[in-house]
PDB file of all heavy atoms in Angstrom:
ATOM      1  N   LYS A   1    -116.530 118.493 -89.497  1.00  0.00           N
ATOM      2  CA  LYS A   1    -115.667 117.540 -90.174  1.00  0.00           C
ATOM      3  C   LYS A   1    -115.327 116.403 -89.189  1.00  0.00           C
ATOM      4  O   LYS A   1    -114.911 116.667 -88.075  1.00  0.00           O
ATOM      5  CB  LYS A   1    -114.437 118.190 -90.712  1.00  0.00           C
ATOM      6  CG  LYS A   1    -113.491 117.248 -91.438  1.00  0.00           C
ATOM      7  CD  LYS A   1    -112.258 118.013 -91.942  1.00  0.00           C
ATOM      8  CE  LYS A   1    -111.291 117.038 -92.663  1.00  0.00           C
ATOM      9  NZ  LYS A   1    -110.098 117.770 -93.189  1.00  0.00           N
ATOM     10  N   GLY A   2    -115.500 115.185 -89.629  1.00  0.00           N
ATOM     11  CA  GLY A   2    -115.181 114.021 -88.775  1.00  0.00           C
ATOM     12  C   GLY A   2    -116.256 113.679 -87.781  1.00  0.00           C
ATOM     13  O   GLY A   2    -116.014 112.804 -86.888  1.00  0.00           O
ATOM     14  N   ALA A   3    -117.429 114.292 -87.865  1.00  0.00           N
ATOM     15  CA  ALA A   3    -118.484 114.025 -86.891  1.00  0.00           C
ATOM     16  C   ALA A   3    -118.969 112.603 -86.951  1.00  0.00           C
ATOM     17  O   ALA A   3    -119.392 112.030 -85.967  1.00  0.00           O
ATOM     18  CB  ALA A   3    -119.649 115.013 -87.106  1.00  0.00           C
ATOM     19  N   PHE A   4    -118.902 112.011 -88.138  1.00  0.00           N
ATOM     20  CA  PHE A   4    -119.277 110.601 -88.327  1.00  0.00           C
ATOM     21  C   PHE A   4    -118.646 110.094 -89.601  1.00  0.00           C
ATOM     22  O   PHE A   4    -118.024 110.878 -90.353  1.00  0.00           O
ATOM     23  CB  PHE A   4    -120.839 110.434 -88.387  1.00  0.00           C
ATOM     24  CG  PHE A   4    -121.498 111.375 -89.378  1.00  0.00           C
ATOM     25  CD1 PHE A   4    -121.552 111.106 -90.719  1.00  0.00           C
ATOM     26  CD2 PHE A   4    -122.035 112.578 -88.915  1.00  0.00           C
ATOM     27  CE1 PHE A   4    -122.162 111.972 -91.606  1.00  0.00           C
ATOM     28  CE2 PHE A   4    -122.613 113.483 -89.797  1.00  0.00           C
ATOM     29  CZ  PHE A   4    -122.703 113.163 -91.131  1.00  0.00           C
ATOM     30  N   THR A   5    -118.718 108.805 -89.848  1.00  0.00           N
ATOM     31  CA  THR A   5    -118.130 108.227 -91.026  1.00  0.00           C
ATOM     32  C   THR A   5    -118.661 108.866 -92.298  1.00  0.00           C
ATOM     33  O   THR A   5    -119.868 108.923 -92.506  1.00  0.00           O
ATOM     34  CB  THR A   5    -118.370 106.701 -91.066  1.00  0.00           C
ATOM     35  OG1 THR A   5    -117.878 106.111 -89.891  1.00  0.00           O
ATOM     36  CG2 THR A   5    -117.660 106.075 -92.304  1.00  0.00           C
ATOM     37  N   GLY A   6    -117.757 109.345 -93.103  1.00  0.00           N
ATOM     38  CA  GLY A   6    -118.154 110.052 -94.352  1.00  0.00           C
ATOM     39  C   GLY A   6    -118.233 111.528 -94.217  1.00  0.00           C
ATOM     40  O   GLY A   6    -118.393 112.235 -95.234  1.00  0.00           O
ATOM     41  N   ALA A   7    -118.142 112.067 -93.023  1.00  0.00           N
ATOM     42  CA  ALA A   7    -118.204 113.539 -92.827  1.00  0.00           C
ATOM     43  C   ALA A   7    -116.800 114.105 -93.029  1.00  0.00           C
ATOM     44  O   ALA A   7    -116.078 114.394 -92.102  1.00  0.00           O
ATOM     45  CB  ALA A   7    -118.725 113.881 -91.450  1.00  0.00           C
ATOM     46  N   ASP A   8    -116.407 114.201 -94.352  1.00  0.00           N
ATOM     47  CA  ASP A   8    -115.040 114.613 -94.645  1.00  0.00           C
ATOM     48  C   ASP A   8    -114.849 116.139 -94.651  1.00  0.00           C
ATOM     49  O   ASP A   8    -113.763 116.658 -94.898  1.00  0.00           O
ATOM     50  CB  ASP A   8    -114.615 114.021 -95.994  1.00  0.00           C
ATOM     51  CG  ASP A   8    -115.587 114.383 -97.114  1.00  0.00           C
ATOM     52  OD1 ASP A   8    -116.640 114.905 -96.807  1.00  0.00           O
ATOM     53  OD2 ASP A   8    -115.256 114.093 -98.285  1.00  0.00           O
ATOM     54  N   LYS A   9    -115.956 116.891 -94.501  1.00  0.00           N
ATOM     55  CA  LYS A   9    -115.821 118.337 -94.426  1.00  0.00           C
ATOM     56  C   LYS A   9    -117.015 118.894 -93.654  1.00  0.00           C
ATOM     57  O   LYS A   9    -118.037 118.234 -93.465  1.00  0.00           O
ATOM     58  CB  LYS A   9    -115.749 118.981 -95.816  1.00  0.00           C
ATOM     59  CG  LYS A   9    -116.970 118.710 -96.666  1.00  0.00           C
ATOM     60  CD  LYS A   9    -116.783 119.348 -98.045  1.00  0.00           C
ATOM     61  CE  LYS A   9    -118.009 119.051 -98.954  1.00  0.00           C
ATOM     62  NZ  LYS A   9    -117.848 119.644-100.301  1.00  0.00           N
ATOM     63  N   GLN A  10    -116.895 120.158 -93.227  1.00  0.00           N
ATOM     64  CA  GLN A  10    -117.971 120.790 -92.490  1.00  0.00           C
ATOM     65  C   GLN A  10    -119.207 121.003 -93.382  1.00  0.00           C
ATOM     66  O   GLN A  10    -119.049 121.340 -94.542  1.00  0.00           O
ATOM     67  CB  GLN A  10    -117.518 122.123 -91.925  1.00  0.00           C
ATOM     68  CG  GLN A  10    -118.539 122.801 -90.995  1.00  0.00           C
ATOM     69  CD  GLN A  10    -118.096 124.209 -90.627  1.00  0.00           C
ATOM     70  OE1 GLN A  10    -118.140 125.123 -91.437  1.00  0.00           O
ATOM     71  NE2 GLN A  10    -117.632 124.387 -89.399  1.00  0.00           N
ATOM     72  N   LYS A  11    -120.386 120.827 -92.827  1.00  0.00           N
ATOM     73  CA  LYS A  11    -121.627 121.060 -93.561  1.00  0.00           C
ATOM     74  C   LYS A  11    -122.486 122.076 -92.851  1.00  0.00           C
ATOM     75  O   LYS A  11    -122.670 121.996 -91.622  1.00  0.00           O
ATOM     76  CB  LYS A  11    -122.419 119.744 -93.703  1.00  0.00           C
ATOM     77  CG  LYS A  11    -123.764 119.903 -94.410  1.00  0.00           C
ATOM     78  CD  LYS A  11    -124.516 118.595 -94.405  1.00  0.00           C
ATOM     79  CE  LYS A  11    -125.951 118.757 -94.953  1.00  0.00           C
ATOM     80  NZ  LYS A  11    -125.964 119.139 -96.369  1.00  0.00           N
ATOM     81  N   ILE A  12    -122.963 123.045 -93.607  1.00  0.00           N
ATOM     82  CA  ILE A  12    -123.877 124.082 -93.053  1.00  0.00           C
ATOM     83  C   ILE A  12    -125.284 123.527 -93.170  1.00  0.00           C
ATOM     84  O   ILE A  12    -125.740 123.124 -94.203  1.00  0.00           O
ATOM     85  CB  ILE A  12    -123.738 125.395 -93.798  1.00  0.00           C
ATOM     86  CG1 ILE A  12    -122.316 125.916 -93.773  1.00  0.00           C
ATOM     87  CG2 ILE A  12    -124.705 126.428 -93.222  1.00  0.00           C
ATOM     88  CD1 ILE A  12    -121.782 126.175 -92.383  1.00  0.00           C
ATOM     89  N   GLY A  13    -126.019 123.541 -92.035  1.00  0.00           N
ATOM     90  CA  GLY A  13    -127.367 123.029 -91.997  1.00  0.00           C
ATOM     91  C   GLY A  13    -128.432 124.010 -92.450  1.00  0.00           C
ATOM     92  O   GLY A  13    -128.150 125.200 -92.694  1.00  0.00           O
ATOM     93  N   ARG A  14    -129.668 123.529 -92.580  1.00  0.00           N
ATOM     94  CA  ARG A  14    -130.753 124.357 -93.075  1.00  0.00           C
ATOM     95  C   ARG A  14    -131.113 125.530 -92.159  1.00  0.00           C
ATOM     96  O   ARG A  14    -131.516 126.605 -92.625  1.00  0.00           O
ATOM     97  CB  ARG A  14    -131.997 123.488 -93.318  1.00  0.00           C
ATOM     98  CG  ARG A  14    -131.819 122.358 -94.315  1.00  0.00           C
ATOM     99  CD  ARG A  14    -131.549 122.842 -95.700  1.00  0.00           C
ATOM    100  NE  ARG A  14    -131.401 121.757 -96.661  1.00  0.00           N
ATOM    101  CZ  ARG A  14    -132.369 121.302 -97.438  1.00  0.00           C
ATOM    102  NH1 ARG A  14    -133.543 121.881 -97.419  1.00  0.00           N
ATOM    103  NH2 ARG A  14    -132.144 120.289 -98.264  1.00  0.00           N
ATOM    104  N   PHE A  15    -130.956 125.306 -90.842  1.00  0.00           N
ATOM    105  CA  PHE A  15    -131.251 126.413 -89.913  1.00  0.00           C
ATOM    106  C   PHE A  15    -130.260 127.570 -90.143  1.00  0.00           C
ATOM    107  O   PHE A  15    -130.651 128.740 -90.122  1.00  0.00           O
ATOM    108  CB  PHE A  15    -131.142 125.935 -88.466  1.00  0.00           C
ATOM    109  CG  PHE A  15    -132.478 125.441 -87.911  1.00  0.00           C
ATOM    110  CD1 PHE A  15    -132.709 124.082 -87.818  1.00  0.00           C
ATOM    111  CD2 PHE A  15    -133.434 126.324 -87.486  1.00  0.00           C
ATOM    112  CE1 PHE A  15    -133.910 123.614 -87.321  1.00  0.00           C
ATOM    113  CE2 PHE A  15    -134.678 125.859 -87.019  1.00  0.00           C
ATOM    114  CZ  PHE A  15    -134.903 124.503 -86.919  1.00  0.00           C
ATOM    115  N   GLU A  16    -128.987 127.256 -90.374  1.00  0.00           N
ATOM    116  CA  GLU A  16    -128.004 128.334 -90.646  1.00  0.00           C
ATOM    117  C   GLU A  16    -128.298 128.998 -91.991  1.00  0.00           C
ATOM    118  O   GLU A  16    -128.201 130.229 -92.124  1.00  0.00           O
ATOM    119  CB  GLU A  16    -126.594 127.768 -90.641  1.00  0.00           C
ATOM    120  CG  GLU A  16    -125.984 127.534 -89.272  1.00  0.00           C
ATOM    121  CD  GLU A  16    -124.594 127.033 -89.340  1.00  0.00           C
ATOM    122  OE1 GLU A  16    -123.663 127.886 -89.489  1.00  0.00           O
ATOM    123  OE2 GLU A  16    -124.376 125.807 -89.288  1.00  0.00           O
ATOM    124  N   LEU A  17    -128.655 128.185 -92.991  1.00  0.00           N
ATOM    125  CA  LEU A  17    -128.908 128.748 -94.310  1.00  0.00           C
ATOM    126  C   LEU A  17    -130.114 129.671 -94.287  1.00  0.00           C
ATOM    127  O   LEU A  17    -130.197 130.639 -95.079  1.00  0.00           O
ATOM    128  CB  LEU A  17    -129.172 127.599 -95.310  1.00  0.00           C
ATOM    129  CG  LEU A  17    -127.983 126.710 -95.671  1.00  0.00           C
ATOM    130  CD1 LEU A  17    -128.422 125.588 -96.570  1.00  0.00           C
ATOM    131  CD2 LEU A  17    -126.889 127.541 -96.366  1.00  0.00           C
ATOM    132  N   ALA A  18    -131.037 129.403 -93.388  1.00  0.00           N
ATOM    133  CA  ALA A  18    -132.286 130.228 -93.292  1.00  0.00           C
ATOM    134  C   ALA A  18    -132.146 131.403 -92.346  1.00  0.00           C
ATOM    135  O   ALA A  18    -133.123 132.100 -92.134  1.00  0.00           O
ATOM    136  CB  ALA A  18    -133.460 129.332 -92.872  1.00  0.00           C
ATOM    137  N   ASP A  19    -130.973 131.650 -91.777  1.00  0.00           N
ATOM    138  CA  ASP A  19    -130.780 132.687 -90.807  1.00  0.00           C
ATOM    139  C   ASP A  19    -131.309 134.040 -91.314  1.00  0.00           C
ATOM    140  O   ASP A  19    -130.924 134.458 -92.429  1.00  0.00           O
ATOM    141  CB  ASP A  19    -129.299 132.800 -90.452  1.00  0.00           C
ATOM    142  CG  ASP A  19    -129.068 133.732 -89.252  1.00  0.00           C
ATOM    143  OD1 ASP A  19    -130.030 133.938 -88.471  1.00  0.00           O
ATOM    144  OD2 ASP A  19    -127.938 134.235 -89.103  1.00  0.00           O
ATOM    145  N   GLY A  20    -132.154 134.693 -90.564  1.00  0.00           N
ATOM    146  CA  GLY A  20    -132.749 135.923 -90.997  1.00  0.00           C
ATOM    147  C   GLY A  20    -134.018 135.771 -91.773  1.00  0.00           C
ATOM    148  O   GLY A  20    -134.790 136.757 -91.969  1.00  0.00           O
ATOM    149  N   GLY A  21    -134.276 134.547 -92.260  1.00  0.00           N
ATOM    150  CA  GLY A  21    -135.406 134.292 -93.121  1.00  0.00           C
ATOM    151  C   GLY A  21    -136.370 133.267 -92.543  1.00  0.00           C
ATOM    152  O   GLY A  21    -136.658 133.296 -91.365  1.00  0.00           O
ATOM    153  N   THR A  22    -136.833 132.382 -93.415  1.00  0.00           N
ATOM    154  CA  THR A  22    -137.902 131.424 -93.065  1.00  0.00           C
ATOM    155  C   THR A  22    -137.453 130.004 -93.389  1.00  0.00           C
ATOM    156  O   THR A  22    -136.892 129.778 -94.461  1.00  0.00           O
ATOM    157  CB  THR A  22    -139.194 131.719 -93.799  1.00  0.00           C
ATOM    158  OG1 THR A  22    -139.609 133.050 -93.494  1.00  0.00           O
ATOM    159  CG2 THR A  22    -140.292 130.740 -93.424  1.00  0.00           C
ATOM    160  N   LEU A  23    -137.671 129.092 -92.448  1.00  0.00           N
ATOM    161  CA  LEU A  23    -137.414 127.661 -92.681  1.00  0.00           C
ATOM    162  C   LEU A  23    -138.761 126.935 -92.751  1.00  0.00           C
ATOM    163  O   LEU A  23    -139.552 126.992 -91.805  1.00  0.00           O
ATOM    164  CB  LEU A  23    -136.553 127.073 -91.569  1.00  0.00           C
ATOM    165  CG  LEU A  23    -136.238 125.574 -91.689  1.00  0.00           C
ATOM    166  CD1 LEU A  23    -135.408 125.303 -92.967  1.00  0.00           C
ATOM    167  CD2 LEU A  23    -135.479 125.068 -90.473  1.00  0.00           C
ATOM    168  N   PHE A  24    -139.020 126.339 -93.894  1.00  0.00           N
ATOM    169  CA  PHE A  24    -140.281 125.590 -94.094  1.00  0.00           C
ATOM    170  C   PHE A  24    -140.025 124.108 -93.893  1.00  0.00           C
ATOM    171  O   PHE A  24    -139.277 123.509 -94.645  1.00  0.00           O
ATOM    172  CB  PHE A  24    -140.799 125.854 -95.513  1.00  0.00           C
ATOM    173  CG  PHE A  24    -142.019 125.037 -95.875  1.00  0.00           C
ATOM    174  CD1 PHE A  24    -143.198 125.159 -95.135  1.00  0.00           C
ATOM    175  CD2 PHE A  24    -141.994 124.145 -96.949  1.00  0.00           C
ATOM    176  CE1 PHE A  24    -144.285 124.387 -95.480  1.00  0.00           C
ATOM    177  CE2 PHE A  24    -143.095 123.379 -97.284  1.00  0.00           C
ATOM    178  CZ  PHE A  24    -144.264 123.504 -96.537  1.00  0.00           C
ATOM    179  N   LEU A  25    -140.664 123.532 -92.899  1.00  0.00           N
ATOM    180  CA  LEU A  25    -140.519 122.117 -92.554  1.00  0.00           C
ATOM    181  C   LEU A  25    -141.747 121.388 -93.006  1.00  0.00           C
ATOM    182  O   LEU A  25    -142.830 121.443 -92.408  1.00  0.00           O
ATOM    183  CB  LEU A  25    -140.367 121.944 -91.032  1.00  0.00           C
ATOM    184  CG  LEU A  25    -139.183 122.691 -90.369  1.00  0.00           C
ATOM    185  CD1 LEU A  25    -139.180 122.427 -88.874  1.00  0.00           C
ATOM    186  CD2 LEU A  25    -137.866 122.234 -90.960  1.00  0.00           C
ATOM    187  N   ASP A  26    -141.611 120.667 -94.120  1.00  0.00           N
ATOM    188  CA  ASP A  26    -142.733 119.910 -94.684  1.00  0.00           C
ATOM    189  C   ASP A  26    -142.731 118.509 -94.099  1.00  0.00           C
ATOM    190  O   ASP A  26    -141.704 117.949 -93.811  1.00  0.00           O
ATOM    191  CB  ASP A  26    -142.640 119.880 -96.201  1.00  0.00           C
ATOM    192  CG  ASP A  26    -143.941 119.491 -96.847  1.00  0.00           C
ATOM    193  OD1 ASP A  26    -144.945 119.431 -96.150  1.00  0.00           O
ATOM    194  OD2 ASP A  26    -143.952 119.259 -98.095  1.00  0.00           O
ATOM    195  N   GLU A  27    -143.922 117.952 -93.955  1.00  0.00           N
ATOM    196  CA  GLU A  27    -144.097 116.555 -93.433  1.00  0.00           C
ATOM    197  C   GLU A  27    -143.462 116.426 -92.054  1.00  0.00           C
ATOM    198  O   GLU A  27    -142.721 115.491 -91.780  1.00  0.00           O
ATOM    199  CB  GLU A  27    -143.501 115.540 -94.404  1.00  0.00           C
ATOM    200  CG  GLU A  27    -144.077 115.600 -95.811  1.00  0.00           C
ATOM    201  CD  GLU A  27    -145.554 115.318 -95.886  1.00  0.00           C
ATOM    202  OE1 GLU A  27    -146.135 114.874 -94.898  1.00  0.00           O
ATOM    203  OE2 GLU A  27    -146.153 115.548 -96.972  1.00  0.00           O
ATOM    204  N   ILE A  28    -143.829 117.314 -91.149  1.00  0.00           N
ATOM    205  CA  ILE A  28    -143.232 117.265 -89.804  1.00  0.00           C
ATOM    206  C   ILE A  28    -143.703 116.027 -89.003  1.00  0.00           C
ATOM    207  O   ILE A  28    -143.077 115.651 -88.019  1.00  0.00           O
ATOM    208  CB  ILE A  28    -143.534 118.536 -89.002  1.00  0.00           C
ATOM    209  CG1 ILE A  28    -145.054 118.724 -88.884  1.00  0.00           C
ATOM    210  CG2 ILE A  28    -142.860 119.757 -89.578  1.00  0.00           C
ATOM    211  CD1 ILE A  28    -145.463 119.673 -87.792  1.00  0.00           C
ATOM    212  N   GLY A  29    -144.801 115.447 -89.466  1.00  0.00           N
ATOM    213  CA  GLY A  29    -145.285 114.253 -88.775  1.00  0.00           C
ATOM    214  C   GLY A  29    -144.345 113.061 -88.904  1.00  0.00           C
ATOM    215  O   GLY A  29    -144.522 112.050 -88.198  1.00  0.00           O
ATOM    216  N   ASN A  30    -143.364 113.144 -89.769  1.00  0.00           N
ATOM    217  CA  ASN A  30    -142.424 112.031 -89.999  1.00  0.00           C
ATOM    218  C   ASN A  30    -141.182 112.123 -89.100  1.00  0.00           C
ATOM    219  O   ASN A  30    -140.317 111.212 -89.177  1.00  0.00           O
ATOM    220  CB  ASN A  30    -141.972 112.012 -91.461  1.00  0.00           C
ATOM    221  CG  ASN A  30    -143.122 111.602 -92.395  1.00  0.00           C
ATOM    222  OD1 ASN A  30    -143.975 112.397 -92.714  1.00  0.00           O
ATOM    223  ND2 ASN A  30    -143.125 110.369 -92.784  1.00  0.00           N
ATOM    224  N   MET A  31    -141.064 113.153 -88.273  1.00  0.00           N
ATOM    225  CA  MET A  31    -139.872 113.274 -87.428  1.00  0.00           C
ATOM    226  C   MET A  31    -139.976 112.362 -86.206  1.00  0.00           C
ATOM    227  O   MET A  31    -141.049 112.170 -85.637  1.00  0.00           O
ATOM    228  CB  MET A  31    -139.699 114.752 -86.937  1.00  0.00           C
ATOM    229  CG  MET A  31    -139.416 115.689 -88.069  1.00  0.00           C
ATOM    230  SD  MET A  31    -139.004 117.360 -87.447  1.00  0.00           S
ATOM    231  CE  MET A  31    -140.463 117.803 -86.536  1.00  0.00           C
ATOM    232  N   SER A  32    -138.823 111.826 -85.756  1.00  0.00           N
ATOM    233  CA  SER A  32    -138.813 110.986 -84.568  1.00  0.00           C
ATOM    234  C   SER A  32    -139.026 111.871 -83.347  1.00  0.00           C
ATOM    235  O   SER A  32    -138.843 113.094 -83.362  1.00  0.00           O
ATOM    236  CB  SER A  32    -137.465 110.275 -84.435  1.00  0.00           C
ATOM    237  OG  SER A  32    -136.428 111.237 -84.162  1.00  0.00           O
ATOM    238  N   LEU A  33    -139.460 111.259 -82.225  1.00  0.00           N
ATOM    239  CA  LEU A  33    -139.684 112.031 -81.004  1.00  0.00           C
ATOM    240  C   LEU A  33    -138.446 112.753 -80.510  1.00  0.00           C
ATOM    241  O   LEU A  33    -138.452 113.861 -80.046  1.00  0.00           O
ATOM    242  CB  LEU A  33    -140.225 111.115 -79.893  1.00  0.00           C
ATOM    243  CG  LEU A  33    -141.671 110.672 -80.068  1.00  0.00           C
ATOM    244  CD1 LEU A  33    -141.997 109.555 -79.062  1.00  0.00           C
ATOM    245  CD2 LEU A  33    -142.645 111.858 -79.866  1.00  0.00           C
ATOM    246  N   GLU A  34    -137.285 112.029 -80.613  1.00  0.00           N
ATOM    247  CA  GLU A  34    -136.014 112.604 -80.188  1.00  0.00           C
ATOM    248  C   GLU A  34    -135.681 113.867 -81.011  1.00  0.00           C
ATOM    249  O   GLU A  34    -135.246 114.884 -80.458  1.00  0.00           O
ATOM    250  CB  GLU A  34    -134.878 111.572 -80.328  1.00  0.00           C
ATOM    251  CG  GLU A  34    -133.543 112.095 -79.898  1.00  0.00           C
ATOM    252  CD  GLU A  34    -132.419 111.079 -80.122  1.00  0.00           C
ATOM    253  OE1 GLU A  34    -132.699 110.002 -80.692  1.00  0.00           O
ATOM    254  OE2 GLU A  34    -131.277 111.383 -79.764  1.00  0.00           O
ATOM    255  N   PHE A  35    -135.907 113.777 -82.300  1.00  0.00           N
ATOM    256  CA  PHE A  35    -135.596 114.926 -83.173  1.00  0.00           C
ATOM    257  C   PHE A  35    -136.612 116.047 -82.945  1.00  0.00           C
ATOM    258  O   PHE A  35    -136.252 117.248 -83.028  1.00  0.00           O
ATOM    259  CB  PHE A  35    -135.579 114.506 -84.642  1.00  0.00           C
ATOM    260  CG  PHE A  35    -135.023 115.554 -85.526  1.00  0.00           C
ATOM    261  CD1 PHE A  35    -133.665 115.844 -85.511  1.00  0.00           C
ATOM    262  CD2 PHE A  35    -135.842 116.314 -86.336  1.00  0.00           C
ATOM    263  CE1 PHE A  35    -133.147 116.848 -86.336  1.00  0.00           C
ATOM    264  CE2 PHE A  35    -135.358 117.307 -87.144  1.00  0.00           C
ATOM    265  CZ  PHE A  35    -133.974 117.565 -87.150  1.00  0.00           C
ATOM    266  N   GLN A  36    -137.854 115.701 -82.679  1.00  0.00           N
ATOM    267  CA  GLN A  36    -138.869 116.718 -82.382  1.00  0.00           C
ATOM    268  C   GLN A  36    -138.417 117.599 -81.213  1.00  0.00           C
ATOM    269  O   GLN A  36    -138.637 118.812 -81.216  1.00  0.00           O
ATOM    270  CB  GLN A  36    -140.203 116.054 -82.081  1.00  0.00           C
ATOM    271  CG  GLN A  36    -140.864 115.406 -83.273  1.00  0.00           C
ATOM    272  CD  GLN A  36    -142.133 114.625 -82.868  1.00  0.00           C
ATOM    273  OE1 GLN A  36    -142.834 115.004 -81.922  1.00  0.00           O
ATOM    274  NE2 GLN A  36    -142.414 113.559 -83.593  1.00  0.00           N
ATOM    275  N   GLU A  37    -137.838 116.962 -80.199  1.00  0.00           N
ATOM    276  CA  GLU A  37    -137.376 117.709 -79.037  1.00  0.00           C
ATOM    277  C   GLU A  37    -136.303 118.726 -79.417  1.00  0.00           C
ATOM    278  O   GLU A  37    -136.282 119.860 -78.924  1.00  0.00           O
ATOM    279  CB  GLU A  37    -136.850 116.768 -77.941  1.00  0.00           C
ATOM    280  CG  GLU A  37    -136.409 117.469 -76.694  1.00  0.00           C
ATOM    281  CD  GLU A  37    -135.896 116.510 -75.616  1.00  0.00           C
ATOM    282  OE1 GLU A  37    -135.891 115.318 -75.908  1.00  0.00           O
ATOM    283  OE2 GLU A  37    -135.548 117.002 -74.538  1.00  0.00           O
ATOM    284  N   LYS A  38    -135.355 118.316 -80.298  1.00  0.00           N
ATOM    285  CA  LYS A  38    -134.292 119.190 -80.709  1.00  0.00           C
ATOM    286  C   LYS A  38    -134.840 120.379 -81.534  1.00  0.00           C
ATOM    287  O   LYS A  38    -134.380 121.522 -81.384  1.00  0.00           O
ATOM    288  CB  LYS A  38    -133.262 118.426 -81.528  1.00  0.00           C
ATOM    289  CG  LYS A  38    -132.528 117.379 -80.727  1.00  0.00           C
ATOM    290  CD  LYS A  38    -131.505 116.597 -81.552  1.00  0.00           C
ATOM    291  CE  LYS A  38    -130.794 115.546 -80.693  1.00  0.00           C
ATOM    292  NZ  LYS A  38    -129.794 114.772 -81.479  1.00  0.00           N
ATOM    293  N   VAL A  39    -135.791 120.078 -82.396  1.00  0.00           N
ATOM    294  CA  VAL A  39    -136.412 121.164 -83.207  1.00  0.00           C
ATOM    295  C   VAL A  39    -137.150 122.129 -82.276  1.00  0.00           C
ATOM    296  O   VAL A  39    -137.080 123.351 -82.447  1.00  0.00           O
ATOM    297  CB  VAL A  39    -137.323 120.572 -84.249  1.00  0.00           C
ATOM    298  CG1 VAL A  39    -138.165 121.696 -84.926  1.00  0.00           C
ATOM    299  CG2 VAL A  39    -136.565 119.816 -85.315  1.00  0.00           C
ATOM    300  N   LEU A  40    -137.842 121.616 -81.262  1.00  0.00           N
ATOM    301  CA  LEU A  40    -138.557 122.435 -80.339  1.00  0.00           C
ATOM    302  C   LEU A  40    -137.600 123.410 -79.631  1.00  0.00           C
ATOM    303  O   LEU A  40    -137.907 124.606 -79.491  1.00  0.00           O
ATOM    304  CB  LEU A  40    -139.292 121.569 -79.295  1.00  0.00           C
ATOM    305  CG  LEU A  40    -139.988 122.321 -78.149  1.00  0.00           C
ATOM    306  CD1 LEU A  40    -141.080 123.254 -78.689  1.00  0.00           C
ATOM    307  CD2 LEU A  40    -140.562 121.353 -77.140  1.00  0.00           C
ATOM    308  N   ARG A  41    -136.428 122.925 -79.235  1.00  0.00           N
ATOM    309  CA  ARG A  41    -135.449 123.772 -78.534  1.00  0.00           C
ATOM    310  C   ARG A  41    -134.949 124.888 -79.440  1.00  0.00           C
ATOM    311  O   ARG A  41    -134.755 126.034 -79.026  1.00  0.00           O
ATOM    312  CB  ARG A  41    -134.287 122.945 -78.010  1.00  0.00           C
ATOM    313  CG  ARG A  41    -134.658 122.075 -76.828  1.00  0.00           C
ATOM    314  CD  ARG A  41    -133.410 121.421 -76.221  1.00  0.00           C
ATOM    315  NE  ARG A  41    -132.501 122.436 -75.751  1.00  0.00           N
ATOM    316  CZ  ARG A  41    -132.571 123.061 -74.561  1.00  0.00           C
ATOM    317  NH1 ARG A  41    -133.590 122.796 -73.736  1.00  0.00           N
ATOM    318  NH2 ARG A  41    -131.695 123.939 -74.183  1.00  0.00           N
ATOM    319  N   VAL A  42    -134.729 124.565 -80.715  1.00  0.00           N
ATOM    320  CA  VAL A  42    -134.270 125.587 -81.640  1.00  0.00           C
ATOM    321  C   VAL A  42    -135.326 126.673 -81.872  1.00  0.00           C
ATOM    322  O   VAL A  42    -135.035 127.868 -81.885  1.00  0.00           O
ATOM    323  CB  VAL A  42    -133.848 124.969 -83.002  1.00  0.00           C
ATOM    324  CG1 VAL A  42    -133.316 126.052 -83.938  1.00  0.00           C
ATOM    325  CG2 VAL A  42    -132.766 123.914 -82.804  1.00  0.00           C
ATOM    326  N   ILE A  43    -136.567 126.208 -82.017  1.00  0.00           N
ATOM    327  CA  ILE A  43    -137.660 127.194 -82.229  1.00  0.00           C
ATOM    328  C   ILE A  43    -137.767 128.075 -80.969  1.00  0.00           C
ATOM    329  O   ILE A  43    -137.988 129.275 -81.091  1.00  0.00           O
ATOM    330  CB  ILE A  43    -138.991 126.448 -82.473  1.00  0.00           C
ATOM    331  CG1 ILE A  43    -138.923 125.679 -83.786  1.00  0.00           C
ATOM    332  CG2 ILE A  43    -140.157 127.419 -82.524  1.00  0.00           C
ATOM    333  CD1 ILE A  43    -140.124 124.809 -84.065  1.00  0.00           C
ATOM    334  N   GLU A  44    -137.614 127.466 -79.795  1.00  0.00           N
ATOM    335  CA  GLU A  44    -137.784 128.195 -78.535  1.00  0.00           C
ATOM    336  C   GLU A  44    -136.664 129.143 -78.274  1.00  0.00           C
ATOM    337  O   GLU A  44    -136.876 130.304 -77.905  1.00  0.00           O
ATOM    338  CB  GLU A  44    -137.932 127.182 -77.405  1.00  0.00           C
ATOM    339  CG  GLU A  44    -138.417 127.745 -76.116  1.00  0.00           C
ATOM    340  CD  GLU A  44    -139.919 128.147 -76.173  1.00  0.00           C
ATOM    341  OE1 GLU A  44    -140.706 127.365 -76.740  1.00  0.00           O
ATOM    342  OE2 GLU A  44    -140.224 129.196 -75.664  1.00  0.00           O
TER     343      GLU A  44
END
């Protein structure tokens, strides 16, 4: 909550929602290089 303008409450992300299961990332070629690095760290 309050992380940026319009963030009026906490939001659970897709990685948390998929905990214990599978996260399917479609069209990964559209991710920015900066975001690719963050995804790599989570996978790792």
